[in-house]
Amino acid sequence: MKNELTNENYDALSKYRQERAHETLAEIPFLYEKGFYNTATNRLYYACY
């Protein structure tokens, strides 16, 4: 069975990933402030990915 994304599913997945990226970006200042520089950098990288 071949799974294909419909336009509706593709749009929903895209929206979900964008929301998660924005949530991840919002965490970065807190992590940086607490001295978690590597974690903040990793979050930034994956939010952009």
C-alpha atoms as a PDB file:
ATOM      1  CA  MET A   1       0.000   0.000   0.000  1.00  0.00           C
ATOM      2  CA  LYS A   2       1.439   3.336  -1.056  1.00  0.00           C
ATOM      3  CA  ASN A   3       0.815   6.302   1.229  1.00  0.00           C
ATOM      4  CA  GLU A   4       0.431   9.635  -0.499  1.00  0.00           C
ATOM      5  CA  LEU A   5      -0.187  13.040   0.995  1.00  0.00           C
ATOM      6  CA  THR A   6      -3.260  14.804  -0.231  1.00  0.00           C
ATOM      7  CA  ASN A   7      -3.134  18.571  -0.591  1.00  0.00           C
ATOM      8  CA  GLU A   8      -5.171  18.859   2.598  1.00  0.00           C
ATOM      9  CA  ASN A   9      -2.830  16.578   4.537  1.00  0.00           C
ATOM     10  CA  TYR A  10       0.222  18.303   3.103  1.00  0.00           C
ATOM     11  CA  ASP A  11      -1.106  21.697   4.211  1.00  0.00           C
ATOM     12  CA  ALA A  12      -1.922  20.385   7.697  1.00  0.00           C
ATOM     13  CA  LEU A  13       1.532  18.827   8.055  1.00  0.00           C
ATOM     14  CA  SER A  14       3.206  22.018   6.868  1.00  0.00           C
ATOM     15  CA  LYS A  15       1.204  24.107   9.336  1.00  0.00           C
ATOM     16  CA  TYR A  16       2.030  21.702  12.179  1.00  0.00           C
ATOM     17  CA  ARG A  17       5.755  21.831  11.425  1.00  0.00           C
ATOM     18  CA  GLN A  18       5.729  25.619  11.242  1.00  0.00           C
ATOM     19  CA  GLU A  19       3.935  25.838  14.591  1.00  0.00           C
ATOM     20  CA  ARG A  20       6.458  23.493  16.181  1.00  0.00           C
ATOM     21  CA  ALA A  21       9.341  25.557  14.759  1.00  0.00           C
ATOM     22  CA  HIS A  22       7.882  28.744  16.255  1.00  0.00           C
ATOM     23  CA  GLU A  23       7.410  27.023  19.626  1.00  0.00           C
ATOM     24  CA  THR A  24      11.000  25.834  19.523  1.00  0.00           C
ATOM     25  CA  LEU A  25      12.258  29.320  18.676  1.00  0.00           C
ATOM     26  CA  ALA A  26      10.324  30.719  21.644  1.00  0.00           C
ATOM     27  CA  GLU A  27      12.242  28.372  23.987  1.00  0.00           C
ATOM     28  CA  ILE A  28      15.672  29.608  22.917  1.00  0.00           C
ATOM     29  CA  PRO A  29      15.871  32.851  24.974  1.00  0.00           C
ATOM     30  CA  PHE A  30      15.033  30.929  28.163  1.00  0.00           C
ATOM     31  CA  LEU A  31      17.655  28.277  27.468  1.00  0.00           C
ATOM     32  CA  TYR A  32      20.262  30.898  26.630  1.00  0.00           C
ATOM     33  CA  GLU A  33      19.455  32.905  29.760  1.00  0.00           C
ATOM     34  CA  LYS A  34      19.933  29.798  31.914  1.00  0.00           C
ATOM     35  CA  GLY A  35      23.313  29.068  30.315  1.00  0.00           C
ATOM     36  CA  PHE A  36      22.254  26.151  28.125  1.00  0.00           C
ATOM     37  CA  TYR A  37      24.118  27.457  25.103  1.00  0.00           C
ATOM     38  CA  ASN A  38      24.562  24.143  23.284  1.00  0.00           C
ATOM     39  CA  THR A  39      20.905  23.256  23.741  1.00  0.00           C
ATOM     40  CA  ALA A  40      19.832  26.708  22.550  1.00  0.00           C
ATOM     41  CA  THR A  41      22.032  26.346  19.477  1.00  0.00           C
ATOM     42  CA  ASN A  42      20.658  22.884  18.736  1.00  0.00           C
ATOM     43  CA  ARG A  43      17.067  24.121  19.059  1.00  0.00           C
ATOM     44  CA  LEU A  44      17.835  26.996  16.700  1.00  0.00           C
ATOM     45  CA  TYR A  45      19.366  24.623  14.168  1.00  0.00           C
ATOM     46  CA  TYR A  46      16.432  22.216  14.198  1.00  0.00           C
ATOM     47  CA  ALA A  47      13.846  25.008  14.141  1.00  0.00           C
ATOM     48  CA  CYS A  48      15.442  26.259  10.927  1.00  0.00           C
ATOM     49  CA  TYR A  49      15.745  22.762   9.490  1.00  0.00           C
END
